Amino acid sequence: MAAMEIEFKFQIPADRLKAVETAMRRGAVVRTRLQARYFDTADQALAAEGIVLRLRKEGRRWVQTVKATGDNALHRLEHNVDLGTAAASPAIDPQRHQGTPVGDRLAKVLAASGAAPLVERQSTDIVRLTRDVRVTGPGGAVVEMALDVGKVVAYAGTADQCESPVCELELELKRGDVQGLVSLARRWSQQHGLWFSTVSKAERGARLLAKVEVVPAVKAATPRFPEGKDKLDGRAIQQAVVASCLAQMLPNASEIAAGSSDEEQIHQLRIGIRRLRTALRELAELDAGTGLFDVAAWEPPLVEAFRALGDLRDREQVVKLAQPQLREAGAPEFDPLAGDEAAADVRSSGDIVRAPAFQSVLVSLIGFTAAAPPAEPAPKATTDAEATDEAPPAPTPMSLGDARRLLRKRLQHLHKQAVRDGKRFESLDTESQHRVRKRLKRLRYLAEFVAPLFEAEGKSSSSAAERYLKYLRPAQDALGEFNDEAVALALYREATARDGRAWFAVGWFTARHEAHAKACRKALGGIEEAPRFWKKAARPR
C-alpha cells in the first residue's frame, strides 16, 4: 500500500504519561507489540536522504516499510508491504517497493551507493496503544492516535549496547480535513503538556550509533514553491514561505524542548521566528480575504517566545563578546551578571519552547502549510429572480500576477525606508535606531523569500537577487555590532547598581557610540546603489 502520510508526533513528559494513557483508554484501544529492525548501508546513504527502511513484527505479522520526507513537516511518503506471519524475520528486500514514488526514491539512492549491501543498524521494541477518533465540526476527520512506549536499541548484544527511551503520541490523519487533525492535536498537546518532535525512532537509533548527544543546529533554507504557474497563487506562496520558516524552527525547537541548551540551536530558532514574523507581516495581503492566514492569532506567542529566548541568550552572549574587549582595554575584572535578579528570573529555553501557547501556534502553522487548495465551487444554475439573492462568492487566493505586484511594492517600500533611515541614522533616538535594524532584516528576509518568484517571471535570476543581498550585508554587520554594544551598554549600566566596577564598561561603550553610529550611516548609504532585482526591465523606445 502506497500513501502520503500526514501526522503529528509529540513527546510526552514522563510525569504526564499516566494521564495520557488514561485519556487514550476512554475509547476502544488496541494493544500491539511492535518489534522493528532498521536497515541502511554501512555509510548510512538512506539516512542522509531522509529515507527509513524497516522490517517490523506487528503482533504476529511482519510488515516491510519504507518512508521518506515529504513536502512539509506533516507529509511523509510511505509504502507498506504485508509479509504475513512467520516464525523468523523475513529477509529485507528493497524490490518490494518497486513502482511506488518512495520506492523509486529508495532505488535511486541505493543505485548511487553502488549497490552497497544493506545491514541492520538498530532495532526498536515498542508497546503501542491505538485508537481511532472522529473529529466533528468544520474540520471533521478520522484520526488514528498511537501511544508508543518502549525503547530504541543500538549495538544490540555487544558490550557497546545502548538504549534510548520512547514515550510519544502520534496522530495520523486517516481521512477528512487536515484541520480536523490540527484541532485534535492542539487539544491533546494543550491538555497534557506535549511538545512537537521531529526526531523519529530511526533518528534516535542513528544518534545512538554515532554516540551523538547534540546535533547541529538547522539553518534557513530557500522556500520550495510548487512547480507550474497554475499551482502558484497567493496561498501557495504563503504556504511555501511558512513551510521554509518551519523547516528551520521545528528541528531546533524539538531539540530545545527535549532539554538541549545548545546556543546555536537557540540562535537559529530565534532567526526562524524572526523570518516567520516577517512572512506574517509582509505576506498577509496575499490571503485576499480567505481568513486562513491568521496573523492576529499566530503572532503574539511567537513574539513572546522570541523575546524570552532573547532575554535568555542575549545577556550571556553579550558578556561573552564584551569581556575580552574590556579586558584588553584595561577594565577591572568582575562578573556583570553576578547577583542579577533579572537573570535569575529568566525561564529556561526548554520551558519557553514547551509553553502551551508556543506549541499551539506551531501546530496551527504546520496545519496551514498542509491545507489543501480551496475547492472550486460547482456552477449553480439560477433564475433571474434568484440571482439578486445569491450569496457573494467565497474569496479566492490572490493570482500570481497580483501577488508579484504586491511583493514588488512591499520590497520597494522597505528598500526606500532603509535608504531614508540611513541618511538620518545618527540623529535618530535609540528606539528608532533599533527599528532600522529590524526593518533591514525584514527587507533581507522578504528578498530571500520571494526572489525565485521574480526568476519565474523572467525579470531576474538568482545571481541578481544575490547581488542585491550583497549590498545589504555591510549594513547588516554594522547594525548588528551597533545593537550588541547598545545591549552591552544597558546591561553594564544596570550592573553599576550592584558593582561600581561596571562604570568602566559604561564609559568605554558610551565613548564608542558616536563612531559606530556614523559607521552604520555610511553602511546604510550603500543600499541606495543596490540593483533591485524586483524592478521591471525598462521598455525599449
Protein backbone atom coordinates (compact mmCIF):
# COMPACT_ATOMS: atom_id res chain seq x y z
CA MET A 1 0.00 0.00 0.00
CA ALA A 2 1.41 3.40 -1.02
CA ALA A 3 0.34 6.55 0.80
CA MET A 4 1.20 10.11 1.70
CA GLU A 5 1.23 10.02 5.48
CA ILE A 6 0.06 13.13 7.35
CA GLU A 7 0.78 13.04 11.06
CA PHE A 8 1.83 14.90 14.17
CA LYS A 9 4.25 13.41 16.68
CA PHE A 10 4.52 14.67 20.24
CA GLN A 11 6.88 13.83 23.06
CA ILE A 12 5.21 13.07 26.39
CA PRO A 13 6.78 14.29 29.66
CA ALA A 14 7.35 11.32 31.97
CA ASP A 15 5.03 12.74 34.63
CA ARG A 16 2.19 13.07 32.09
CA LEU A 17 2.32 9.54 30.67
CA LYS A 18 -0.22 8.06 33.08
CA ALA A 19 -2.75 10.82 32.29
CA VAL A 20 -2.25 10.38 28.54
CA GLU A 21 -2.75 6.62 28.77
CA THR A 22 -5.89 7.11 30.88
CA ALA A 23 -7.27 9.54 28.29
CA MET A 24 -6.44 7.09 25.47
CA ARG A 25 -8.34 4.31 27.21
CA ARG A 26 -11.56 6.35 27.34
CA GLY A 27 -12.20 4.90 23.89
CA ALA A 28 -11.72 1.45 22.40
CA VAL A 29 -7.96 0.82 22.18
CA VAL A 30 -5.91 -1.93 20.57
CA ARG A 31 -2.65 -3.02 22.23
CA THR A 32 0.13 -4.22 19.92
CA ARG A 33 3.77 -5.08 20.47
CA LEU A 34 5.97 -3.69 17.69
CA GLN A 35 9.48 -5.10 17.20
CA ALA A 36 11.32 -3.44 14.34
CA ARG A 37 14.70 -3.79 12.64
CA TYR A 38 16.08 -0.80 10.69
CA PHE A 39 18.36 -1.22 7.68
CA ASP A 40 20.80 1.05 5.84
CA THR A 41 24.10 0.89 4.01
CA ALA A 42 27.26 0.94 6.10
CA ASP A 43 27.81 4.60 5.23
CA GLN A 44 24.13 5.45 6.01
CA ALA A 45 23.22 6.51 2.47
CA LEU A 46 19.48 6.16 3.19
CA ALA A 47 19.57 8.25 6.36
CA ALA A 48 21.44 11.00 4.50
CA GLU A 49 18.48 11.26 2.09
CA GLY A 50 15.79 11.13 4.78
CA ILE A 51 14.78 7.54 3.96
CA VAL A 52 13.88 4.86 6.51
CA LEU A 53 13.71 1.15 5.59
CA ARG A 54 12.49 -1.31 8.21
CA LEU A 55 11.04 -4.74 8.94
CA ARG A 56 8.55 -4.74 11.78
CA LYS A 57 6.71 -7.51 13.60
CA GLU A 58 3.26 -6.16 14.41
CA GLY A 59 1.73 -8.68 16.76
CA ARG A 60 2.22 -11.89 14.75
CA ARG A 61 2.55 -10.33 11.27
CA TRP A 62 5.64 -8.97 9.54
CA VAL A 63 5.47 -5.72 7.56
CA GLN A 64 8.22 -4.14 5.46
CA THR A 65 8.03 -0.35 5.26
CA VAL A 66 9.91 2.43 3.52
CA LYS A 67 9.36 6.07 4.47
CA ALA A 68 10.80 9.34 3.19
CA THR A 69 10.40 13.02 3.93
CA GLY A 70 7.62 14.79 2.02
CA ASP A 71 6.88 18.39 1.08
CA ASN A 72 6.46 19.77 4.60
CA ALA A 73 6.58 18.99 8.31
CA LEU A 74 3.39 16.91 8.18
CA HIS A 75 3.86 14.94 4.98
CA ARG A 76 5.71 11.64 4.77
CA LEU A 77 5.91 9.33 1.77
CA GLU A 78 5.26 5.76 2.87
CA HIS A 79 4.82 2.29 1.37
CA ASN A 80 3.98 -0.84 3.39
CA VAL A 81 4.14 -4.49 2.29
CA ASP A 82 2.41 -7.14 4.42
CA LEU A 83 4.65 -10.21 4.56
CA GLY A 84 2.27 -12.39 6.55
CA THR A 85 3.14 -14.47 9.62
CA ALA A 86 6.44 -16.23 10.06
CA ALA A 87 8.39 -17.65 12.97
CA ALA A 88 11.61 -15.93 11.86
CA SER A 89 12.23 -12.48 10.47
CA PRO A 90 11.99 -12.34 6.63
CA ALA A 91 14.95 -11.02 4.63
CA ILE A 92 14.89 -7.33 3.75
CA ASP A 93 14.17 -6.71 0.04
CA PRO A 94 14.03 -3.16 -1.42
CA GLN A 95 12.41 -4.54 -4.60
CA ARG A 96 9.17 -4.97 -2.67
CA HIS A 97 8.61 -1.21 -3.01
CA GLN A 98 9.31 -1.04 -6.75
CA GLY A 99 6.97 1.16 -8.77
CA THR A 100 5.93 3.48 -5.94
CA PRO A 101 7.15 7.10 -5.54
CA VAL A 102 9.01 6.34 -2.31
CA GLY A 103 10.26 3.01 -3.70
CA ASP A 104 11.71 4.79 -6.74
CA ARG A 105 13.49 7.23 -4.45
CA LEU A 106 14.86 4.31 -2.43
CA ALA A 107 16.09 2.55 -5.58
CA LYS A 108 17.80 5.72 -6.82
CA VAL A 109 19.74 6.17 -3.58
CA LEU A 110 20.78 2.51 -3.46
CA ALA A 111 21.93 2.65 -7.09
CA ALA A 112 24.00 5.76 -6.36
CA SER A 113 25.66 3.93 -3.45
CA GLY A 114 26.99 1.29 -5.85
CA ALA A 115 24.57 -1.43 -4.72
CA ALA A 116 26.14 -1.44 -1.27
CA PRO A 117 24.67 -4.21 0.91
CA LEU A 118 22.03 -3.36 3.49
CA VAL A 119 22.89 -4.02 7.14
CA GLU A 120 20.81 -3.85 10.29
CA ARG A 121 21.56 -0.58 12.05
CA GLN A 122 19.29 -0.56 15.10
CA SER A 123 16.08 -2.02 16.49
CA THR A 124 13.04 -0.96 18.49
CA ASP A 125 10.76 -2.69 20.98
CA ILE A 126 7.53 -0.75 21.45
CA VAL A 127 4.16 -1.32 23.08
CA ARG A 128 1.56 0.65 21.11
CA LEU A 129 -1.98 1.59 22.07
CA THR A 130 -4.07 2.71 19.09
CA ARG A 131 -7.47 4.32 18.94
CA ASP A 132 -9.47 5.97 16.16
CA VAL A 133 -11.05 9.33 16.96
CA ARG A 134 -13.74 11.03 14.89
CA VAL A 135 -13.39 14.82 14.95
CA THR A 136 -16.70 16.62 14.42
CA GLY A 137 -17.28 20.13 13.15
CA PRO A 138 -15.98 22.07 10.13
CA GLY A 139 -12.60 20.34 10.35
CA GLY A 140 -14.18 16.88 10.53
CA ALA A 141 -11.74 13.98 10.23
CA VAL A 142 -10.92 10.48 11.38
CA VAL A 143 -7.58 10.38 13.19
CA GLU A 144 -5.63 7.36 14.40
CA MET A 145 -3.96 8.05 17.73
CA ALA A 146 -0.99 5.88 18.72
CA LEU A 147 0.67 5.93 22.13
CA ASP A 148 4.15 4.40 21.85
CA VAL A 149 6.18 3.42 24.92
CA GLY A 150 9.38 1.42 24.69
CA LYS A 151 12.98 1.78 23.57
CA VAL A 152 15.38 2.08 20.66
CA VAL A 153 18.44 -0.18 20.86
CA ALA A 154 21.82 0.13 19.11
CA TYR A 155 24.78 -2.27 19.15
CA ALA A 156 22.44 -4.99 20.46
CA GLY A 157 24.20 -7.97 22.05
CA THR A 158 27.58 -6.23 22.28
CA ALA A 159 29.49 -4.53 25.07
CA ASP A 160 28.52 -1.20 23.46
CA GLN A 161 24.75 -1.85 23.60
CA CYS A 162 22.87 1.36 24.41
CA GLU A 163 19.23 2.40 24.53
CA SER A 164 17.06 5.48 24.14
CA PRO A 165 13.57 5.54 25.75
CA VAL A 166 10.50 6.18 23.60
CA CYS A 167 7.44 7.91 25.04
CA GLU A 168 5.45 9.62 22.30
CA LEU A 169 1.99 10.19 20.89
CA GLU A 170 1.37 10.10 17.13
CA LEU A 171 -1.78 11.43 15.46
CA GLU A 172 -2.24 10.33 11.85
CA LEU A 173 -4.95 11.58 9.52
CA LYS A 174 -6.85 8.61 8.10
CA ARG A 175 -9.46 10.60 6.18
CA GLY A 176 -11.09 14.01 6.16
CA ASP A 177 -9.83 17.57 6.54
CA VAL A 178 -6.32 18.20 7.85
CA GLN A 179 -7.80 20.95 10.04
CA GLY A 180 -9.61 18.24 11.99
CA LEU A 181 -6.22 16.67 12.71
CA VAL A 182 -4.87 20.09 13.73
CA SER A 183 -7.80 20.69 16.08
CA LEU A 184 -7.29 17.34 17.83
CA ALA A 185 -3.51 17.79 18.02
CA ARG A 186 -3.87 21.22 19.61
CA ARG A 187 -6.34 19.92 22.18
CA TRP A 188 -4.17 16.98 23.30
CA SER A 189 -0.95 18.98 23.35
CA GLN A 190 -2.59 21.68 25.49
CA GLN A 191 -4.25 19.26 27.92
CA HIS A 192 -1.17 17.12 28.52
CA GLY A 193 1.81 19.47 28.05
CA LEU A 194 3.09 17.66 24.96
CA TRP A 195 5.63 19.13 22.57
CA PHE A 196 6.03 18.61 18.83
CA SER A 197 9.04 16.46 17.93
CA THR A 198 10.88 15.99 14.65
CA VAL A 199 13.03 13.11 15.94
CA SER A 200 11.96 9.74 14.53
CA LYS A 201 12.76 6.38 16.08
CA ALA A 202 15.22 5.81 13.25
CA GLU A 203 16.94 9.11 14.07
CA ARG A 204 17.14 8.13 17.74
CA GLY A 205 18.91 4.96 16.72
CA ALA A 206 21.27 6.82 14.40
CA ARG A 207 22.28 9.10 17.27
CA LEU A 208 22.97 6.11 19.49
CA LEU A 209 25.12 4.55 16.79
CA ALA A 210 27.07 7.77 16.32
CA LYS A 211 27.24 8.40 20.07
CA VAL A 212 25.87 11.90 19.44
CA GLU A 213 24.05 13.86 22.13
CA VAL A 214 23.83 17.30 20.48
CA VAL A 215 23.05 17.59 16.77
CA PRO A 216 23.98 20.61 14.63
CA ALA A 217 21.51 23.48 14.56
CA VAL A 218 19.33 23.70 11.44
CA LYS A 219 19.73 26.89 9.41
CA ALA A 220 17.44 28.69 6.98
CA ALA A 221 16.72 27.29 3.52
CA THR A 222 15.13 28.79 0.40
CA PRO A 223 11.37 28.22 0.03
CA ARG A 224 10.29 25.44 -2.33
CA PHE A 225 7.47 26.76 -4.49
CA PRO A 226 5.10 24.44 -6.37
CA GLU A 227 6.12 23.80 -9.96
CA GLY A 228 3.88 25.24 -12.65
CA LYS A 229 2.23 28.64 -12.75
CA ASP A 230 -1.21 27.03 -12.47
CA LYS A 231 -0.33 25.85 -8.94
CA LEU A 232 1.22 29.11 -7.76
CA ASP A 233 -1.11 31.68 -6.21
CA GLY A 234 -1.14 33.83 -3.07
CA ARG A 235 -1.99 30.94 -0.77
CA ALA A 236 0.67 28.66 -2.27
CA ILE A 237 3.29 31.41 -1.83
CA GLN A 238 2.30 31.86 1.81
CA GLN A 239 2.40 28.11 2.43
CA ALA A 240 5.82 27.67 0.83
CA VAL A 241 7.37 30.54 2.78
CA VAL A 242 5.84 29.46 6.11
CA ALA A 243 7.00 25.88 5.45
CA SER A 244 10.52 27.20 4.84
CA CYS A 245 10.47 29.03 8.18
CA LEU A 246 9.13 25.96 9.99
CA ALA A 247 11.83 23.78 8.39
CA GLN A 248 14.34 25.87 10.34
CA MET A 249 12.27 26.33 13.51
CA LEU A 250 10.85 22.87 14.18
CA PRO A 251 14.07 20.79 14.43
CA ASN A 252 15.72 23.39 16.67
CA ALA A 253 12.59 23.78 18.82
CA SER A 254 12.31 19.99 19.08
CA GLU A 255 15.86 19.70 20.43
CA ILE A 256 15.45 22.58 22.88
CA ALA A 257 12.12 21.26 24.18
CA ALA A 258 13.79 17.88 24.80
CA GLY A 259 16.42 19.53 27.01
CA SER A 260 19.17 20.87 24.76
CA SER A 261 20.68 24.21 25.80
CA ASP A 262 22.88 24.49 22.70
CA GLU A 263 23.45 28.20 21.99
CA GLU A 264 23.41 27.81 18.21
CA GLN A 265 20.10 25.92 18.27
CA ILE A 266 18.57 28.74 20.34
CA HIS A 267 20.06 31.32 17.98
CA GLN A 268 18.75 29.57 14.87
CA LEU A 269 15.31 29.15 16.41
CA ARG A 270 15.19 32.91 17.02
CA ILE A 271 16.25 33.57 13.43
CA GLY A 272 13.50 31.23 12.26
CA ILE A 273 10.92 33.04 14.38
CA ARG A 274 12.06 36.41 13.04
CA ARG A 275 11.84 35.12 9.47
CA LEU A 276 8.36 33.78 10.16
CA ARG A 277 7.23 37.08 11.66
CA THR A 278 8.50 38.80 8.50
CA ALA A 279 6.44 36.38 6.42
CA LEU A 280 3.32 37.00 8.52
CA ARG A 281 3.69 40.75 8.23
CA GLU A 282 4.75 41.11 4.61
CA LEU A 283 2.68 38.33 3.03
CA ALA A 284 -0.59 38.89 4.88
CA GLU A 285 -2.28 40.65 1.94
CA LEU A 286 -1.72 37.61 -0.29
CA ASP A 287 -4.50 35.96 1.72
CA ALA A 288 -7.01 38.03 -0.28
CA GLY A 289 -9.65 37.75 2.43
CA THR A 290 -9.76 33.96 2.83
CA GLY A 291 -9.07 34.34 6.56
CA LEU A 292 -6.74 31.32 6.77
CA PHE A 293 -3.57 33.38 7.26
CA ASP A 294 -4.37 34.16 10.89
CA VAL A 295 -1.67 36.67 11.82
CA ALA A 296 -3.62 38.03 14.81
CA ALA A 297 -3.72 34.58 16.45
CA TRP A 298 -0.25 33.40 15.45
CA GLU A 299 1.97 36.40 16.14
CA PRO A 300 1.61 37.00 19.94
CA PRO A 301 3.03 33.59 21.02
CA LEU A 302 5.86 34.00 18.52
CA VAL A 303 6.71 37.45 19.88
CA GLU A 304 6.64 36.12 23.45
CA ALA A 305 8.96 33.20 22.65
CA PHE A 306 11.33 35.39 20.62
CA ARG A 307 11.71 37.93 23.42
CA ALA A 308 12.02 35.32 26.14
CA LEU A 309 14.73 33.43 24.24
CA GLY A 310 16.44 36.78 23.60
CA ASP A 311 16.42 37.64 27.30
CA LEU A 312 17.97 34.27 28.00
CA ARG A 313 20.61 34.33 25.28
CA ASP A 314 21.50 37.99 24.77
CA ARG A 315 22.71 38.76 28.27
CA GLU A 316 25.14 35.83 28.36
CA GLN A 317 26.18 36.26 24.72
CA VAL A 318 26.87 39.97 25.08
CA VAL A 319 29.01 39.42 28.14
CA LYS A 320 30.93 36.68 26.33
CA LEU A 321 31.69 39.10 23.46
CA ALA A 322 32.27 42.20 25.57
CA GLN A 323 34.52 40.91 28.33
CA PRO A 324 37.59 40.16 26.16
CA GLN A 325 37.39 43.66 24.61
CA LEU A 326 37.02 45.31 28.02
CA ARG A 327 39.85 43.25 29.45
CA GLU A 328 42.12 44.39 26.60
CA ALA A 329 41.09 48.00 27.30
CA GLY A 330 42.18 47.64 30.94
CA ALA A 331 38.77 47.15 32.58
CA PRO A 332 38.69 45.75 36.12
CA GLU A 333 37.72 42.07 36.33
CA PHE A 334 34.20 41.28 37.56
CA ASP A 335 31.10 39.32 36.56
CA PRO A 336 28.39 41.75 35.38
CA LEU A 337 25.70 39.07 35.80
CA ALA A 338 26.57 38.22 39.42
CA GLY A 339 23.59 38.99 41.64
CA ASP A 340 21.44 39.90 38.64
CA GLU A 341 17.89 39.23 39.81
CA ALA A 342 16.53 39.74 36.29
CA ALA A 343 18.75 36.92 35.01
CA ALA A 344 17.66 34.68 37.89
CA ASP A 345 14.01 35.14 36.89
CA VAL A 346 14.58 34.17 33.24
CA ARG A 347 12.89 30.90 32.23
CA SER A 348 14.94 28.10 30.72
CA SER A 349 14.93 27.72 26.95
CA GLY A 350 13.11 24.39 27.32
CA ASP A 351 10.32 25.97 29.36
CA ILE A 352 9.93 28.72 26.76
CA VAL A 353 9.63 26.29 23.84
CA ARG A 354 7.38 23.84 25.69
CA ALA A 355 4.95 26.66 26.62
CA PRO A 356 1.39 25.67 25.57
CA ALA A 357 0.81 28.86 23.56
CA PHE A 358 4.01 28.39 21.54
CA GLN A 359 3.31 24.70 20.88
CA SER A 360 -0.26 25.55 19.85
CA VAL A 361 0.88 28.09 17.26
CA LEU A 362 3.42 25.62 15.85
CA VAL A 363 0.63 23.06 15.36
CA SER A 364 -1.59 25.67 13.68
CA LEU A 365 1.18 26.81 11.34
CA ILE A 366 2.06 23.26 10.35
CA GLY A 367 -1.60 22.68 9.60
CA PHE A 368 -1.70 25.81 7.44
CA THR A 369 1.18 24.56 5.29
CA ALA A 370 -0.63 21.24 4.74
CA ALA A 371 -4.07 22.70 3.93
CA ALA A 372 -5.38 21.67 0.54
CA PRO A 373 -6.10 24.33 -2.13
CA PRO A 374 -9.65 25.70 -1.91
CA ALA A 375 -12.12 23.68 -3.94
CA GLU A 376 -13.72 25.50 -6.84
CA PRO A 377 -17.48 25.72 -6.27
CA ALA A 378 -19.60 23.91 -8.83
CA PRO A 379 -21.55 26.26 -11.12
CA LYS A 380 -25.13 26.69 -9.97
CA ALA A 381 -27.97 27.44 -12.34
CA THR A 382 -30.16 30.32 -11.16
CA THR A 383 -33.14 32.23 -12.42
CA ASP A 384 -33.04 35.98 -12.89
CA ALA A 385 -35.11 36.36 -9.71
CA GLU A 386 -32.71 34.19 -7.68
CA ALA A 387 -29.59 35.97 -8.95
CA THR A 388 -30.18 39.07 -6.82
CA ASP A 389 -30.41 36.97 -3.62
CA GLU A 390 -27.36 34.86 -4.32
CA ALA A 391 -24.66 34.89 -1.60
CA PRO A 392 -21.39 36.60 -2.59
CA PRO A 393 -18.74 34.21 -3.88
CA ALA A 394 -16.18 32.94 -1.39
CA PRO A 395 -12.88 34.83 -1.53
CA THR A 396 -10.14 33.14 -3.53
CA PRO A 397 -6.35 33.41 -3.15
CA MET A 398 -4.56 36.18 -5.00
CA SER A 399 -3.34 35.36 -8.50
CA LEU A 400 0.38 35.01 -9.22
CA GLY A 401 0.45 38.25 -11.23
CA ASP A 402 -1.28 40.23 -8.47
CA ALA A 403 1.00 38.61 -5.89
CA ARG A 404 4.11 39.73 -7.76
CA ARG A 405 2.78 43.28 -8.00
CA LEU A 406 2.12 43.35 -4.26
CA LEU A 407 5.51 41.87 -3.40
CA ARG A 408 7.26 44.35 -5.70
CA LYS A 409 5.51 47.16 -3.81
CA ARG A 410 6.50 45.76 -0.40
CA LEU A 411 10.15 45.32 -1.42
CA GLN A 412 10.28 48.83 -2.84
CA HIS A 413 8.75 50.29 0.33
CA LEU A 414 11.24 48.54 2.62
CA HIS A 415 14.14 49.49 0.35
CA LYS A 416 13.16 53.18 0.43
CA GLN A 417 12.81 53.04 4.21
CA ALA A 418 16.34 51.64 4.55
CA VAL A 419 17.77 54.38 2.34
CA ARG A 420 15.85 57.12 4.18
CA ASP A 421 16.81 55.76 7.62
CA GLY A 422 20.44 55.55 6.61
CA LYS A 423 20.67 59.25 5.79
CA ARG A 424 19.44 60.28 9.24
CA PHE A 425 20.64 57.36 11.38
CA GLU A 426 22.86 59.41 13.70
CA SER A 427 20.00 61.79 14.58
CA LEU A 428 17.54 59.01 15.48
CA ASP A 429 16.76 58.10 19.07
CA THR A 430 17.77 54.68 20.41
CA GLU A 431 14.41 53.01 19.79
CA SER A 432 14.24 54.34 16.22
CA GLN A 433 17.78 53.09 15.52
CA HIS A 434 16.71 49.67 16.74
CA ARG A 435 13.72 49.77 14.36
CA VAL A 436 16.10 50.47 11.45
CA ARG A 437 17.84 47.16 12.14
CA LYS A 438 14.53 45.28 12.31
CA ARG A 439 13.34 46.82 9.03
CA LEU A 440 16.58 45.90 7.32
CA LYS A 441 16.15 42.31 8.47
CA ARG A 442 12.61 42.30 7.08
CA LEU A 443 13.92 43.58 3.75
CA ARG A 444 16.58 40.90 3.65
CA TYR A 445 14.24 38.04 4.58
CA LEU A 446 11.49 39.14 2.22
CA ALA A 447 14.03 39.40 -0.62
CA GLU A 448 15.30 35.89 0.14
CA PHE A 449 11.75 34.51 0.29
CA VAL A 450 10.44 35.87 -2.99
CA ALA A 451 13.49 36.07 -5.26
CA PRO A 452 12.52 32.78 -7.03
CA LEU A 453 9.13 34.26 -7.92
CA PHE A 454 10.79 37.01 -9.94
CA GLU A 455 13.08 34.47 -11.57
CA ALA A 456 9.95 32.68 -12.74
CA GLU A 457 8.70 35.98 -14.17
CA GLY A 458 11.81 36.19 -16.30
CA LYS A 459 12.76 39.57 -14.83
CA SER A 460 15.60 38.36 -12.68
CA SER A 461 17.84 35.50 -11.71
CA SER A 462 19.25 34.08 -8.51
CA SER A 463 22.52 35.91 -9.20
CA ALA A 464 20.64 39.23 -9.45
CA ALA A 465 18.98 38.63 -6.08
CA GLU A 466 22.30 37.63 -4.58
CA ARG A 467 23.90 40.84 -5.89
CA TYR A 468 21.17 42.85 -4.20
CA LEU A 469 21.59 40.99 -0.91
CA LYS A 470 25.35 41.58 -1.11
CA TYR A 471 24.70 45.33 -0.88
CA LEU A 472 22.74 44.79 2.36
CA ARG A 473 25.43 42.83 4.19
CA PRO A 474 27.73 45.69 5.25
CA ALA A 475 24.75 47.48 6.82
CA GLN A 476 23.57 44.25 8.49
CA ASP A 477 27.02 43.72 10.02
CA ALA A 478 27.37 47.33 11.16
CA LEU A 479 23.88 47.42 12.69
CA GLY A 480 24.47 44.05 14.35
CA GLU A 481 27.62 45.30 16.08
CA PHE A 482 25.88 48.56 16.98
CA ASN A 483 22.99 46.64 18.57
CA ASP A 484 25.32 44.33 20.52
CA GLU A 485 27.09 47.32 22.02
CA ALA A 486 23.78 49.02 22.84
CA VAL A 487 22.65 45.88 24.70
CA ALA A 488 26.02 45.69 26.45
CA LEU A 489 25.83 49.34 27.49
CA ALA A 490 22.37 48.83 29.00
CA LEU A 491 23.48 45.65 30.78
CA TYR A 492 26.60 47.22 32.33
CA ARG A 493 24.62 50.31 33.29
CA GLU A 494 22.24 48.02 35.22
CA ALA A 495 25.26 46.35 36.84
CA THR A 496 26.53 49.67 38.27
CA ALA A 497 23.83 49.39 40.96
CA ARG A 498 25.49 46.16 42.14
CA ASP A 499 29.17 46.82 41.43
CA GLY A 500 30.93 50.14 40.81
CA ARG A 501 33.47 48.46 38.55
CA ALA A 502 30.79 48.37 35.84
CA TRP A 503 31.26 52.13 35.29
CA PHE A 504 34.43 51.46 33.28
CA ALA A 505 32.40 49.50 30.72
CA VAL A 506 29.67 52.15 30.65
CA GLY A 507 32.21 54.83 29.83
CA TRP A 508 34.01 52.69 27.29
CA PHE A 509 30.86 51.74 25.33
CA THR A 510 29.50 55.30 25.53
CA ALA A 511 32.70 56.66 24.01
CA ARG A 512 32.39 54.27 21.07
CA HIS A 513 28.72 55.01 20.40
CA GLU A 514 29.12 58.04 18.11
CA ALA A 515 31.74 56.42 15.86
CA HIS A 516 29.63 53.27 15.49
CA ALA A 517 26.51 55.28 14.64
CA LYS A 518 28.49 57.03 11.90
CA ALA A 519 29.68 53.65 10.57
CA CYS A 520 26.05 52.49 10.42
CA ARG A 521 25.04 55.58 8.45
CA LYS A 522 27.80 55.01 5.92
CA ALA A 523 26.98 51.32 5.55
CA LEU A 524 23.28 52.04 5.08
CA GLY A 525 24.19 54.60 2.44
CA GLY A 526 25.48 51.84 0.18
CA ILE A 527 22.00 50.33 -0.13
CA GLU A 528 20.82 53.19 -2.36
CA GLU A 529 23.02 51.91 -5.20
CA ALA A 530 21.85 48.30 -4.90
CA PRO A 531 20.46 46.87 -8.18
CA ARG A 532 16.87 45.97 -7.30
CA PHE A 533 16.13 42.54 -8.74
CA TRP A 534 12.36 43.01 -8.50
CA LYS A 535 12.20 46.05 -10.79
CA LYS A 536 10.67 45.57 -14.21
CA ALA A 537 13.01 45.96 -17.14
CA ALA A 538 12.63 49.29 -18.94
CA ARG A 539 10.66 49.09 -22.18
CA PRO A 540 12.71 49.74 -25.32
CA ARG A 541 11.90 53.03 -27.03
